[in-house]
Amino acid sequence: MTVTEEQRLARIEADIAVIKAMLAERCVIRGQRIDALDVRVSALEDAEQQRKGGKLVLTALMAAAGVAGGLASKLWPLIWGR
């Protein structure tokens, strides 16, 4: 029983259709994973911005405390007469 060219072509086309379906399914799955990763990256970026903001506030507070301490040490003798 020999296989005709049309039968071989039909089998190849069927194989190609199966492969296309598999690739389409994989593309959908990859797209969903990429979307989930985008959400996670956005959350991490937001957390990093909050951390930077907190660090900036802490630095400003430390600078203000240093200035207040410096002023207090200079003005203390003037106020209390030493």
PDB file of N, CA and C in Angstrom:
ATOM      1  N   MET A   1       0.847  -1.166   0.000  1.00  0.00           N
ATOM      2  CA  MET A   1       0.000   0.000   0.000  1.00  0.00           C
ATOM      3  C   MET A   1       0.895   1.233   0.000  1.00  0.00           C
ATOM      4  N   THR A   2       0.845   1.962  -1.033  1.00  0.00           N
ATOM      5  CA  THR A   2       1.684   3.144  -1.136  1.00  0.00           C
ATOM      6  C   THR A   2       0.893   4.381  -0.729  1.00  0.00           C
ATOM      7  N   VAL A   3       1.640   5.321  -0.200  1.00  0.00           N
ATOM      8  CA  VAL A   3       1.032   6.581   0.222  1.00  0.00           C
ATOM      9  C   VAL A   3       1.189   7.575  -0.923  1.00  0.00           C
ATOM     10  N   THR A   4       0.081   8.147  -1.288  1.00  0.00           N
ATOM     11  CA  THR A   4       0.136   9.113  -2.390  1.00  0.00           C
ATOM     12  C   THR A   4       0.644  10.460  -1.879  1.00  0.00           C
ATOM     13  N   GLU A   5       0.999  11.290  -2.815  1.00  0.00           N
ATOM     14  CA  GLU A   5       1.502  12.618  -2.460  1.00  0.00           C
ATOM     15  C   GLU A   5       0.430  13.430  -1.738  1.00  0.00           C
ATOM     16  N   GLU A   6      -0.815  13.264  -2.150  1.00  0.00           N
ATOM     17  CA  GLU A   6      -1.907  13.993  -1.510  1.00  0.00           C
ATOM     18  C   GLU A   6      -2.070  13.559  -0.058  1.00  0.00           C
ATOM     19  N   GLN A   7      -1.918  12.256   0.211  1.00  0.00           N
ATOM     20  CA  GLN A   7      -2.038  11.757   1.578  1.00  0.00           C
ATOM     21  C   GLN A   7      -0.891  12.277   2.449  1.00  0.00           C
ATOM     22  N   ARG A   8       0.310  12.271   1.890  1.00  0.00           N
ATOM     23  CA  ARG A   8       1.457  12.797   2.637  1.00  0.00           C
ATOM     24  C   ARG A   8       1.257  14.279   2.943  1.00  0.00           C
ATOM     25  N   LEU A   9       0.781  15.020   1.944  1.00  0.00           N
ATOM     26  CA  LEU A   9       0.544  16.441   2.123  1.00  0.00           C
ATOM     27  C   LEU A   9      -0.537  16.683   3.178  1.00  0.00           C
ATOM     28  N   ALA A  10      -1.596  15.879   3.141  1.00  0.00           N
ATOM     29  CA  ALA A  10      -2.672  16.016   4.124  1.00  0.00           C
ATOM     30  C   ALA A  10      -2.149  15.730   5.531  1.00  0.00           C
ATOM     31  N   ARG A  11      -1.306  14.704   5.673  1.00  0.00           N
ATOM     32  CA  ARG A  11      -0.740  14.368   6.985  1.00  0.00           C
ATOM     33  C   ARG A  11       0.168  15.498   7.494  1.00  0.00           C
ATOM     34  N   ILE A  12       0.964  16.042   6.590  1.00  0.00           N
ATOM     35  CA  ILE A  12       1.855  17.146   6.973  1.00  0.00           C
ATOM     36  C   ILE A  12       1.037  18.375   7.388  1.00  0.00           C
ATOM     37  N   GLU A  13      -0.020  18.664   6.639  1.00  0.00           N
ATOM     38  CA  GLU A  13      -0.875  19.801   6.989  1.00  0.00           C
ATOM     39  C   GLU A  13      -1.549  19.586   8.339  1.00  0.00           C
ATOM     40  N   ALA A  14      -1.962  18.349   8.617  1.00  0.00           N
ATOM     41  CA  ALA A  14      -2.567  18.045   9.912  1.00  0.00           C
ATOM     42  C   ALA A  14      -1.544  18.225  11.033  1.00  0.00           C
ATOM     43  N   ASP A  15      -0.319  17.770  10.805  1.00  0.00           N
ATOM     44  CA  ASP A  15       0.741  17.942  11.808  1.00  0.00           C
ATOM     45  C   ASP A  15       1.020  19.425  12.054  1.00  0.00           C
ATOM     46  N   ILE A  16       1.029  20.193  10.984  1.00  0.00           N
ATOM     47  CA  ILE A  16       1.263  21.631  11.117  1.00  0.00           C
ATOM     48  C   ILE A  16       0.134  22.286  11.910  1.00  0.00           C
ATOM     49  N   ALA A  17      -1.097  21.865  11.670  1.00  0.00           N
ATOM     50  CA  ALA A  17      -2.239  22.417  12.404  1.00  0.00           C
ATOM     51  C   ALA A  17      -2.117  22.113  13.895  1.00  0.00           C
ATOM     52  N   VAL A  18      -1.688  20.893  14.228  1.00  0.00           N
ATOM     53  CA  VAL A  18      -1.505  20.518  15.640  1.00  0.00           C
ATOM     54  C   VAL A  18      -0.409  21.375  16.270  1.00  0.00           C
ATOM     55  N   ILE A  19       0.677  21.543  15.556  1.00  0.00           N
ATOM     56  CA  ILE A  19       1.791  22.347  16.073  1.00  0.00           C
ATOM     57  C   ILE A  19       1.355  23.799  16.265  1.00  0.00           C
ATOM     58  N   LYS A  20       0.593  24.344  15.311  1.00  0.00           N
ATOM     59  CA  LYS A  20       0.099  25.715  15.446  1.00  0.00           C
ATOM     60  C   LYS A  20      -0.794  25.859  16.674  1.00  0.00           C
ATOM     61  N   ALA A  21      -1.647  24.859  16.912  1.00  0.00           N
ATOM     62  CA  ALA A  21      -2.525  24.904  18.080  1.00  0.00           C
ATOM     63  C   ALA A  21      -1.709  24.873  19.370  1.00  0.00           C
ATOM     64  N   MET A  22      -0.688  24.023  19.407  1.00  0.00           N
ATOM     65  CA  MET A  22       0.168  23.944  20.596  1.00  0.00           C
ATOM     66  C   MET A  22       0.893  25.267  20.834  1.00  0.00           C
ATOM     67  N   LEU A  23       1.403  25.851  19.764  1.00  0.00           N
ATOM     68  CA  LEU A  23       2.113  27.125  19.898  1.00  0.00           C
ATOM     69  C   LEU A  23       1.179  28.245  20.347  1.00  0.00           C
ATOM     70  N   ALA A  24      -0.038  28.252  19.831  1.00  0.00           N
ATOM     71  CA  ALA A  24      -1.008  29.269  20.241  1.00  0.00           C
ATOM     72  C   ALA A  24      -1.323  29.134  21.730  1.00  0.00           C
ATOM     73  N   GLU A  25      -1.479  27.886  22.189  1.00  0.00           N
ATOM     74  CA  GLU A  25      -1.747  27.646  23.610  1.00  0.00           C
ATOM     75  C   GLU A  25      -0.572  28.115  24.465  1.00  0.00           C
ATOM     76  N   ARG A  26       0.631  27.822  24.021  1.00  0.00           N
ATOM     77  CA  ARG A  26       1.824  28.256  24.760  1.00  0.00           C
ATOM     78  C   ARG A  26       1.930  29.775  24.790  1.00  0.00           C
ATOM     79  N   CYS A  27       1.577  30.419  23.682  1.00  0.00           N
ATOM     80  CA  CYS A  27       1.622  31.882  23.642  1.00  0.00           C
ATOM     81  C   CYS A  27       0.646  32.487  24.648  1.00  0.00           C
ATOM     82  N   VAL A  28      -0.528  31.887  24.764  1.00  0.00           N
ATOM     83  CA  VAL A  28      -1.507  32.374  25.738  1.00  0.00           C
ATOM     84  C   VAL A  28      -0.957  32.220  27.152  1.00  0.00           C
ATOM     85  N   ILE A  29      -0.387  31.060  27.444  1.00  0.00           N
ATOM     86  CA  ILE A  29       0.172  30.813  28.776  1.00  0.00           C
ATOM     87  C   ILE A  29       1.309  31.786  29.061  1.00  0.00           C
ATOM     88  N   ARG A  30       2.188  31.983  28.103  1.00  0.00           N
ATOM     89  CA  ARG A  30       3.314  32.912  28.291  1.00  0.00           C
ATOM     90  C   ARG A  30       2.807  34.338  28.494  1.00  0.00           C
ATOM     91  N   GLY A  31       1.778  34.703  27.746  1.00  0.00           N
ATOM     92  CA  GLY A  31       1.193  36.037  27.906  1.00  0.00           C
ATOM     93  C   GLY A  31       0.644  36.247  29.307  1.00  0.00           C
ATOM     94  N   GLN A  32      -0.021  35.230  29.838  1.00  0.00           N
ATOM     95  CA  GLN A  32      -0.552  35.320  31.198  1.00  0.00           C
ATOM     96  C   GLN A  32       0.579  35.439  32.211  1.00  0.00           C
ATOM     97  N   ARG A  33       1.634  34.675  32.012  1.00  0.00           N
ATOM     98  CA  ARG A  33       2.780  34.753  32.926  1.00  0.00           C
ATOM     99  C   ARG A  33       3.444  36.120  32.860  1.00  0.00           C
ATOM    100  N   ILE A  34       3.574  36.660  31.669  1.00  0.00           N
ATOM    101  CA  ILE A  34       4.181  37.987  31.517  1.00  0.00           C
ATOM    102  C   ILE A  34       3.315  39.042  32.203  1.00  0.00           C
ATOM    103  N   ASP A  35       1.998  38.938  32.057  1.00  0.00           N
ATOM    104  CA  ASP A  35       1.107  39.883  32.729  1.00  0.00           C
ATOM    105  C   ASP A  35       1.254  39.787  34.244  1.00  0.00           C
ATOM    106  N   ALA A  36       1.349  38.563  34.766  1.00  0.00           N
ATOM    107  CA  ALA A  36       1.528  38.380  36.208  1.00  0.00           C
ATOM    108  C   ALA A  36       2.867  38.959  36.658  1.00  0.00           C
ATOM    109  N   LEU A  37       3.898  38.776  35.859  1.00  0.00           N
ATOM    110  CA  LEU A  37       5.207  39.343  36.202  1.00  0.00           C
ATOM    111  C   LEU A  37       5.177  40.870  36.159  1.00  0.00           C
ATOM    112  N   ASP A  38       4.443  41.439  35.222  1.00  0.00           N
ATOM    113  CA  ASP A  38       4.310  42.897  35.169  1.00  0.00           C
ATOM    114  C   ASP A  38       3.669  43.430  36.445  1.00  0.00           C
ATOM    115  N   VAL A  39       2.658  42.726  36.938  1.00  0.00           N
ATOM    116  CA  VAL A  39       2.004  43.136  38.185  1.00  0.00           C
ATOM    117  C   VAL A  39       2.992  43.066  39.340  1.00  0.00           C
ATOM    118  N   ARG A  40       3.765  41.997  39.401  1.00  0.00           N
ATOM    119  CA  ARG A  40       4.740  41.845  40.485  1.00  0.00           C
ATOM    120  C   ARG A  40       5.829  42.905  40.414  1.00  0.00           C
ATOM    121  N   VAL A  41       6.302  43.198  39.220  1.00  0.00           N
ATOM    122  CA  VAL A  41       7.343  44.223  39.063  1.00  0.00           C
ATOM    123  C   VAL A  41       6.798  45.589  39.476  1.00  0.00           C
ATOM    124  N   SER A  42       5.565  45.882  39.111  1.00  0.00           N
ATOM    125  CA  SER A  42       4.960  47.154  39.511  1.00  0.00           C
ATOM    126  C   SER A  42       4.865  47.259  41.027  1.00  0.00           C
ATOM    127  N   ALA A  43       4.485  46.166  41.674  1.00  0.00           N
ATOM    128  CA  ALA A  43       4.407  46.167  43.137  1.00  0.00           C
ATOM    129  C   ALA A  43       5.785  46.375  43.755  1.00  0.00           C
ATOM    130  N   LEU A  44       6.799  45.738  43.193  1.00  0.00           N
ATOM    131  CA  LEU A  44       8.160  45.921  43.704  1.00  0.00           C
ATOM    132  C   LEU A  44       8.647  47.350  43.489  1.00  0.00           C
ATOM    133  N   GLU A  45       8.324  47.933  42.347  1.00  0.00           N
ATOM    134  CA  GLU A  45       8.719  49.320  42.093  1.00  0.00           C
ATOM    135  C   GLU A  45       8.039  50.267  43.074  1.00  0.00           C
ATOM    136  N   ASP A  46       6.753  50.027  43.363  1.00  0.00           N
ATOM    137  CA  ASP A  46       6.043  50.853  44.341  1.00  0.00           C
ATOM    138  C   ASP A  46       6.675  50.731  45.722  1.00  0.00           C
ATOM    139  N   ALA A  47       7.020  49.517  46.109  1.00  0.00           N
ATOM    140  CA  ALA A  47       7.658  49.307  47.412  1.00  0.00           C
ATOM    141  C   ALA A  47       9.013  50.007  47.470  1.00  0.00           C
ATOM    142  N   GLU A  48       9.756  49.975  46.386  1.00  0.00           N
ATOM    143  CA  GLU A  48      11.059  50.653  46.337  1.00  0.00           C
ATOM    144  C   GLU A  48      10.889  52.163  46.470  1.00  0.00           C
ATOM    145  N   GLN A  49       9.874  52.720  45.819  1.00  0.00           N
ATOM    146  CA  GLN A  49       9.631  54.158  45.938  1.00  0.00           C
ATOM    147  C   GLN A  49       9.249  54.535  47.366  1.00  0.00           C
ATOM    148  N   GLN A  50       8.453  53.699  48.026  1.00  0.00           N
ATOM    149  CA  GLN A  50       8.094  53.963  49.420  1.00  0.00           C
ATOM    150  C   GLN A  50       9.322  53.881  50.310  1.00  0.00           C
ATOM    151  N   ARG A  51      10.187  52.922  50.043  1.00  0.00           N
ATOM    152  CA  ARG A  51      11.401  52.777  50.840  1.00  0.00           C
ATOM    153  C   ARG A  51      12.299  53.993  50.659  1.00  0.00           C
ATOM    154  N   LYS A  52      12.446  54.443  49.428  1.00  0.00           N
ATOM    155  CA  LYS A  52      13.261  55.628  49.167  1.00  0.00           C
ATOM    156  C   LYS A  52      12.667  56.848  49.857  1.00  0.00           C
ATOM    157  N   GLY A  53      11.347  56.972  49.815  1.00  0.00           N
ATOM    158  CA  GLY A  53      10.684  58.099  50.477  1.00  0.00           C
ATOM    159  C   GLY A  53      10.900  58.062  51.979  1.00  0.00           C
ATOM    160  N   GLY A  54      10.808  56.878  52.572  1.00  0.00           N
ATOM    161  CA  GLY A  54      11.041  56.735  54.014  1.00  0.00           C
ATOM    162  C   GLY A  54      12.475  57.063  54.382  1.00  0.00           C
ATOM    163  N   LYS A  55      13.394  56.653  53.542  1.00  0.00           N
ATOM    164  CA  LYS A  55      14.810  56.941  53.787  1.00  0.00           C
ATOM    165  C   LYS A  55      15.069  58.441  53.702  1.00  0.00           C
ATOM    166  N   LEU A  56      14.428  59.105  52.763  1.00  0.00           N
ATOM    167  CA  LEU A  56      14.583  60.546  52.607  1.00  0.00           C
ATOM    168  C   LEU A  56      14.037  61.282  53.827  1.00  0.00           C
ATOM    169  N   VAL A  57      12.892  60.861  54.326  1.00  0.00           N
ATOM    170  CA  VAL A  57      12.312  61.479  55.517  1.00  0.00           C
ATOM    171  C   VAL A  57      13.225  61.263  56.716  1.00  0.00           C
ATOM    172  N   LEU A  58      13.757  60.068  56.863  1.00  0.00           N
ATOM    173  CA  LEU A  58      14.661  59.784  57.974  1.00  0.00           C
ATOM    174  C   LEU A  58      15.917  60.643  57.888  1.00  0.00           C
ATOM    175  N   THR A  59      16.457  60.805  56.706  1.00  0.00           N
ATOM    176  CA  THR A  59      17.643  61.647  56.521  1.00  0.00           C
ATOM    177  C   THR A  59      17.337  63.098  56.881  1.00  0.00           C
ATOM    178  N   ALA A  60      16.196  63.600  56.444  1.00  0.00           N
ATOM    179  CA  ALA A  60      15.807  64.974  56.776  1.00  0.00           C
ATOM    180  C   ALA A  60      15.608  65.137  58.275  1.00  0.00           C
ATOM    181  N   LEU A  61      15.012  64.148  58.919  1.00  0.00           N
ATOM    182  CA  LEU A  61      14.797  64.200  60.364  1.00  0.00           C
ATOM    183  C   LEU A  61      16.123  64.199  61.111  1.00  0.00           C
ATOM    184  N   MET A  62      17.063  63.378  60.656  1.00  0.00           N
ATOM    185  CA  MET A  62      18.379  63.340  61.298  1.00  0.00           C
ATOM    186  C   MET A  62      19.110  64.669  61.117  1.00  0.00           C
ATOM    187  N   ALA A  63      18.991  65.273  59.950  1.00  0.00           N
ATOM    188  CA  ALA A  63      19.624  66.574  59.712  1.00  0.00           C
ATOM    189  C   ALA A  63      19.007  67.643  60.608  1.00  0.00           C
ATOM    190  N   ALA A  64      17.690  67.622  60.724  1.00  0.00           N
ATOM    191  CA  ALA A  64      17.014  68.592  61.587  1.00  0.00           C
ATOM    192  C   ALA A  64      17.415  68.397  63.043  1.00  0.00           C
ATOM    193  N   ALA A  65      17.538  67.159  63.476  1.00  0.00           N
ATOM    194  CA  ALA A  65      17.961  66.890  64.854  1.00  0.00           C
ATOM    195  C   ALA A  65      19.389  67.373  65.078  1.00  0.00           C
ATOM    196  N   GLY A  66      20.247  67.203  64.093  1.00  0.00           N
ATOM    197  CA  GLY A  66      21.624  67.691  64.205  1.00  0.00           C
ATOM    198  C   GLY A  66      21.678  69.199  64.308  1.00  0.00           C
ATOM    199  N   VAL A  67      20.884  69.876  63.494  1.00  0.00           N
ATOM    200  CA  VAL A  67      20.836  71.341  63.544  1.00  0.00           C
ATOM    201  C   VAL A  67      20.292  71.800  64.888  1.00  0.00           C
ATOM    202  N   ALA A  68      19.228  71.157  65.357  1.00  0.00           N
ATOM    203  CA  ALA A  68      18.651  71.529  66.653  1.00  0.00           C
ATOM    204  C   ALA A  68      19.654  71.299  67.774  1.00  0.00           C
ATOM    205  N   GLY A  69      20.372  70.204  67.721  1.00  0.00           N
ATOM    206  CA  GLY A  69      21.394  69.938  68.741  1.00  0.00           C
ATOM    207  C   GLY A  69      22.515  70.955  68.700  1.00  0.00           C
ATOM    208  N   GLY A  70      22.940  71.324  67.506  1.00  0.00           N
ATOM    209  CA  GLY A  70      23.990  72.338  67.367  1.00  0.00           C
ATOM    210  C   GLY A  70      23.548  73.685  67.899  1.00  0.00           C
ATOM    211  N   LEU A  71      22.326  74.076  67.571  1.00  0.00           N
ATOM    212  CA  LEU A  71      21.803  75.342  68.080  1.00  0.00           C
ATOM    213  C   LEU A  71      21.655  75.310  69.593  1.00  0.00           C
ATOM    214  N   ALA A  72      21.176  74.201  70.114  1.00  0.00           N
ATOM    215  CA  ALA A  72      21.007  74.090  71.567  1.00  0.00           C
ATOM    216  C   ALA A  72      22.348  74.193  72.271  1.00  0.00           C
ATOM    217  N   SER A  73      23.380  73.573  71.726  1.00  0.00           N
ATOM    218  CA  SER A  73      24.691  73.635  72.382  1.00  0.00           C
ATOM    219  C   SER A  73      25.279  75.043  72.322  1.00  0.00           C
ATOM    220  N   LYS A  74      24.980  75.804  71.286  1.00  0.00           N
ATOM    221  CA  LYS A  74      25.468  77.180  71.186  1.00  0.00           C
ATOM    222  C   LYS A  74      24.655  78.131  72.067  1.00  0.00           C
ATOM    223  N   LEU A  75      23.349  77.918  72.122  1.00  0.00           N
ATOM    224  CA  LEU A  75      22.485  78.837  72.862  1.00  0.00           C
ATOM    225  C   LEU A  75      22.360  78.499  74.344  1.00  0.00           C
ATOM    226  N   TRP A  76      22.686  77.308  74.737  1.00  0.00           N
ATOM    227  CA  TRP A  76      22.536  76.880  76.133  1.00  0.00           C
ATOM    228  C   TRP A  76      23.301  77.801  77.095  1.00  0.00           C
ATOM    229  N   PRO A  77      24.559  78.107  76.826  1.00  0.00           N
ATOM    230  CA  PRO A  77      25.262  79.006  77.758  1.00  0.00           C
ATOM    231  C   PRO A  77      24.655  80.409  77.798  1.00  0.00           C
ATOM    232  N   LEU A  78      24.129  80.888  76.692  1.00  0.00           N
ATOM    233  CA  LEU A  78      23.531  82.225  76.681  1.00  0.00           C
ATOM    234  C   LEU A  78      22.246  82.276  77.489  1.00  0.00           C
ATOM    235  N   ILE A  79      21.470  81.217  77.397  1.00  0.00           N
ATOM    236  CA  ILE A  79      20.186  81.191  78.096  1.00  0.00           C
ATOM    237  C   ILE A  79      20.393  80.986  79.595  1.00  0.00           C
ATOM    238  N   TRP A  80      21.258  80.087  79.989  1.00  0.00           N
ATOM    239  CA  TRP A  80      21.413  79.729  81.394  1.00  0.00           C
ATOM    240  C   TRP A  80      22.585  80.466  82.055  1.00  0.00           C
ATOM    241  N   GLY A  81      23.239  81.323  81.342  1.00  0.00           N
ATOM    242  CA  GLY A  81      24.233  82.208  81.928  1.00  0.00           C
ATOM    243  C   GLY A  81      25.539  81.561  82.326  1.00  0.00           C
ATOM    244  N   ARG A  82      25.990  80.571  81.714  1.00  0.00           N
ATOM    245  CA  ARG A  82      27.273  79.979  82.080  1.00  0.00           C
ATOM    246  C   ARG A  82      28.375  80.575  81.332  1.00  0.00           C
TER     247      ARG A  82
END
